[in-house]
N, C-alpha and C. Protein backbone atom coordinates (compact mmCIF):
# COMPACT_ATOMS: atom_id res chain seq x y z
N MET A 1 32.00 4.56 9.92
CA MET A 1 31.04 5.38 10.38
C MET A 1 30.91 4.91 11.93
N GLU A 2 30.59 5.86 12.89
CA GLU A 2 30.59 5.46 14.46
C GLU A 2 29.12 5.79 14.83
N ILE A 3 28.66 5.01 15.64
CA ILE A 3 27.31 5.07 16.37
C ILE A 3 27.25 5.32 17.61
N ASN A 4 26.98 6.28 18.24
CA ASN A 4 27.00 6.53 19.88
C ASN A 4 25.65 6.65 20.19
N VAL A 5 24.92 5.58 20.90
CA VAL A 5 23.53 5.37 21.25
C VAL A 5 23.36 6.26 22.41
N ALA A 6 24.64 6.72 23.22
CA ALA A 6 24.36 7.61 24.50
C ALA A 6 24.38 8.98 24.23
N ASP A 7 24.31 9.31 22.86
CA ASP A 7 24.07 10.53 22.22
C ASP A 7 22.62 11.00 22.74
N PRO A 8 22.34 12.01 23.11
CA PRO A 8 20.93 12.80 23.48
C PRO A 8 20.04 12.69 22.46
N LYS A 9 20.35 12.67 21.23
CA LYS A 9 19.29 12.61 19.96
C LYS A 9 18.57 11.15 20.03
N PHE A 10 19.30 10.15 20.76
CA PHE A 10 18.60 8.89 20.71
C PHE A 10 17.79 8.68 22.09
N ALA A 11 17.94 9.46 23.28
CA ALA A 11 17.14 9.74 24.25
C ALA A 11 16.98 7.97 24.82
N SER A 12 18.13 7.24 24.68
CA SER A 12 17.87 5.92 25.28
C SER A 12 18.12 5.80 26.77
N ILE A 13 17.31 4.89 27.40
CA ILE A 13 17.39 4.88 28.82
C ILE A 13 18.58 3.98 29.21
N SER A 14 19.06 3.14 28.26
CA SER A 14 20.12 2.34 28.55
C SER A 14 20.81 2.08 27.08
N PRO A 15 21.78 2.86 26.93
CA PRO A 15 22.32 2.77 25.65
C PRO A 15 23.30 1.91 25.04
N GLU A 16 23.51 0.90 25.76
CA GLU A 16 24.55 -0.07 25.52
C GLU A 16 23.85 -0.79 24.09
N ILE A 17 24.50 -1.02 23.05
CA ILE A 17 24.30 -1.66 22.05
C ILE A 17 24.21 -3.11 22.05
N ARG A 18 23.04 -3.99 21.75
CA ARG A 18 23.10 -5.18 21.91
C ARG A 18 22.99 -6.02 20.68
N THR A 19 22.24 -5.51 19.75
CA THR A 19 22.36 -5.93 18.17
C THR A 19 22.31 -4.97 17.07
N LEU A 20 23.11 -5.39 15.88
CA LEU A 20 22.91 -4.52 15.01
C LEU A 20 22.45 -5.53 13.58
N SER A 21 21.71 -4.84 12.71
CA SER A 21 21.14 -5.67 11.57
C SER A 21 20.99 -4.69 10.40
N LEU A 22 21.71 -4.91 9.36
CA LEU A 22 21.77 -3.80 8.06
C LEU A 22 20.87 -4.59 7.04
N ASP A 23 20.14 -3.70 6.19
CA ASP A 23 19.19 -4.41 5.37
C ASP A 23 20.02 -4.88 4.04
N LYS A 24 19.59 -5.45 3.27
CA LYS A 24 20.42 -5.82 2.09
C LYS A 24 20.83 -4.75 1.24
N MET A 25 20.28 -3.77 1.15
CA MET A 25 20.49 -2.65 0.26
C MET A 25 21.40 -1.88 1.00
N GLY A 26 21.92 -2.14 2.28
CA GLY A 26 22.84 -1.18 3.02
C GLY A 26 22.13 0.22 3.13
N LYS A 27 21.05 0.53 3.55
CA LYS A 27 20.53 1.83 3.69
C LYS A 27 20.11 1.73 4.85
N ASN A 28 19.58 1.07 5.47
CA ASN A 28 19.01 1.08 6.91
C ASN A 28 19.56 0.22 7.82
N LEU A 29 20.00 0.74 8.94
CA LEU A 29 20.52 -0.28 10.02
C LEU A 29 19.51 -0.25 11.17
N LEU A 30 19.24 -1.38 11.96
CA LEU A 30 18.65 -1.42 13.20
C LEU A 30 19.57 -1.80 14.20
N VAL A 31 19.22 -0.79 14.96
CA VAL A 31 19.93 -0.96 16.21
C VAL A 31 19.12 -1.38 17.74
N GLY A 32 19.51 -2.42 18.32
CA GLY A 32 18.93 -2.94 19.41
C GLY A 32 19.76 -2.42 20.58
N THR A 33 19.22 -2.08 21.86
CA THR A 33 19.79 -1.68 22.99
C THR A 33 19.31 -2.68 24.02
N ILE A 34 20.24 -2.47 25.12
CA ILE A 34 19.90 -3.43 26.54
C ILE A 34 18.90 -2.83 27.09
N GLY A 35 18.35 -1.41 26.89
CA GLY A 35 17.19 -1.11 27.57
C GLY A 35 16.07 -1.43 26.79
N CYS A 36 15.89 -2.32 25.80
CA CYS A 36 14.79 -2.98 24.92
C CYS A 36 14.25 -1.95 24.18
N GLU A 37 15.11 -1.12 23.42
CA GLU A 37 14.78 -0.20 22.32
C GLU A 37 15.26 -0.68 21.04
N ILE A 38 14.50 -0.12 20.27
CA ILE A 38 15.01 -0.42 18.65
C ILE A 38 14.89 0.92 17.83
N TYR A 39 16.30 1.36 17.36
CA TYR A 39 16.13 2.15 16.31
C TYR A 39 16.41 2.02 14.92
N GLU A 40 15.88 2.78 14.04
CA GLU A 40 16.11 2.50 12.70
C GLU A 40 17.04 3.71 12.25
N LEU A 41 18.25 3.48 11.85
CA LEU A 41 19.11 4.53 11.18
C LEU A 41 19.02 4.45 9.76
N SER A 42 18.86 5.46 9.13
CA SER A 42 18.84 5.76 7.53
C SER A 42 20.22 6.28 7.30
N ILE A 43 20.96 5.20 6.42
CA ILE A 43 22.33 5.36 6.27
C ILE A 43 22.30 6.18 4.94
N GLU A 44 23.47 7.26 4.78
CA GLU A 44 23.59 8.01 3.63
C GLU A 44 24.31 6.96 2.71
N PRO A 45 24.16 7.18 1.17
CA PRO A 45 24.60 6.29 0.25
C PRO A 45 26.08 5.94 0.33
N SER A 46 26.84 7.02 0.70
CA SER A 46 28.39 6.48 0.69
C SER A 46 28.73 5.68 2.13
N GLY A 47 27.73 5.34 2.91
CA GLY A 47 27.84 4.55 3.98
C GLY A 47 28.54 5.27 5.26
N LYS A 48 28.95 6.54 5.24
CA LYS A 48 29.97 7.13 6.29
C LYS A 48 28.98 7.94 7.37
N THR A 49 27.67 8.34 6.87
CA THR A 49 27.09 9.31 7.93
C THR A 49 25.65 8.86 8.04
N VAL A 50 24.79 9.04 8.97
CA VAL A 50 23.62 8.71 9.48
C VAL A 50 22.52 9.76 8.96
N GLU A 51 21.68 9.70 8.10
CA GLU A 51 20.70 10.71 7.64
C GLU A 51 19.42 10.89 8.55
N ALA A 52 19.25 9.74 9.27
CA ALA A 52 18.01 9.93 10.19
C ALA A 52 18.03 8.83 10.97
N ILE A 53 17.23 9.22 12.05
CA ILE A 53 17.26 8.13 13.37
C ILE A 53 15.75 8.12 13.70
N SER A 54 15.14 7.03 13.75
CA SER A 54 13.54 6.77 13.95
C SER A 54 13.52 5.61 14.89
N PRO A 55 13.02 5.88 16.27
CA PRO A 55 12.64 5.05 17.15
C PRO A 55 11.79 4.29 16.96
N LEU A 56 11.76 2.83 16.99
CA LEU A 56 10.66 1.82 16.41
C LEU A 56 10.19 1.58 17.50
N VAL A 57 10.77 1.17 18.67
CA VAL A 57 10.31 0.81 20.12
C VAL A 57 11.16 1.51 21.32
N ARG A 58 10.44 2.31 22.13
CA ARG A 58 11.07 2.77 23.15
C ARG A 58 11.30 1.85 24.32
N GLY A 59 12.36 1.91 25.05
CA GLY A 59 12.71 1.09 26.11
C GLY A 59 11.81 1.25 27.45
N HIS A 60 11.51 0.20 27.97
CA HIS A 60 10.59 0.14 29.42
C HIS A 60 11.49 -0.63 30.28
N ALA A 61 12.62 -0.97 30.23
CA ALA A 61 13.49 -1.63 31.29
C ALA A 61 14.89 -1.10 31.08
N SER A 62 15.60 -1.17 32.18
CA SER A 62 16.92 -0.71 32.36
C SER A 62 17.53 -1.77 33.38
N PRO A 63 18.75 -2.37 32.95
CA PRO A 63 19.38 -3.10 34.05
C PRO A 63 19.82 -2.42 35.26
N ARG A 64 20.12 -0.92 34.99
CA ARG A 64 20.68 0.06 36.09
C ARG A 64 19.18 0.30 37.23
N LYS A 65 18.02 0.29 36.21
CA LYS A 65 17.10 0.92 37.25
C LYS A 65 15.78 -0.43 37.26
N SER A 66 16.04 -1.09 38.45
CA SER A 66 15.19 -2.32 38.38
C SER A 66 13.69 -1.97 39.18
N VAL A 67 12.65 -2.67 38.76
CA VAL A 67 11.55 -2.10 39.31
C VAL A 67 11.28 -3.69 40.04
N ARG A 68 10.87 -3.44 41.36
CA ARG A 68 10.63 -4.65 42.14
C ARG A 68 9.13 -4.60 42.60
N LEU A 69 8.65 -5.71 42.59
CA LEU A 69 7.06 -6.07 42.83
C LEU A 69 6.97 -7.05 43.94
N SER A 70 5.93 -6.49 44.63
CA SER A 70 5.52 -7.62 45.64
C SER A 70 3.81 -7.49 45.72
N PHE A 71 3.52 -8.73 46.10
CA PHE A 71 2.06 -9.00 46.13
C PHE A 71 2.08 -10.01 47.22
N ALA A 72 0.44 -10.06 47.88
CA ALA A 72 0.39 -11.00 48.70
C ALA A 72 -0.23 -12.26 48.14
N LYS A 73 0.21 -13.34 48.51
CA LYS A 73 -0.15 -14.67 48.02
C LYS A 73 -1.46 -14.98 48.84
N PRO A 74 -2.38 -15.39 48.28
CA PRO A 74 -3.90 -15.99 48.73
C PRO A 74 -3.52 -17.00 49.26
N ARG A 75 -4.24 -17.20 50.58
CA ARG A 75 -4.04 -18.72 51.16
C ARG A 75 -5.16 -19.60 50.61
């Protein structure tokens, strides 16, 4: 099985895979990305294809798109 988080169906802001976690039954795979996203993939019983993709957490940060903040320090 191949997982390509850069595929448009994931809609990831930073699709590099950081972590993987398979449940004990081998039916669900959690995929964590560098962009702070977590997807749950339902694996077909043979383990060769993905049946469904559910975003659990949508990303809010990207190493390529940094947000810079500035503030005034009170005296």
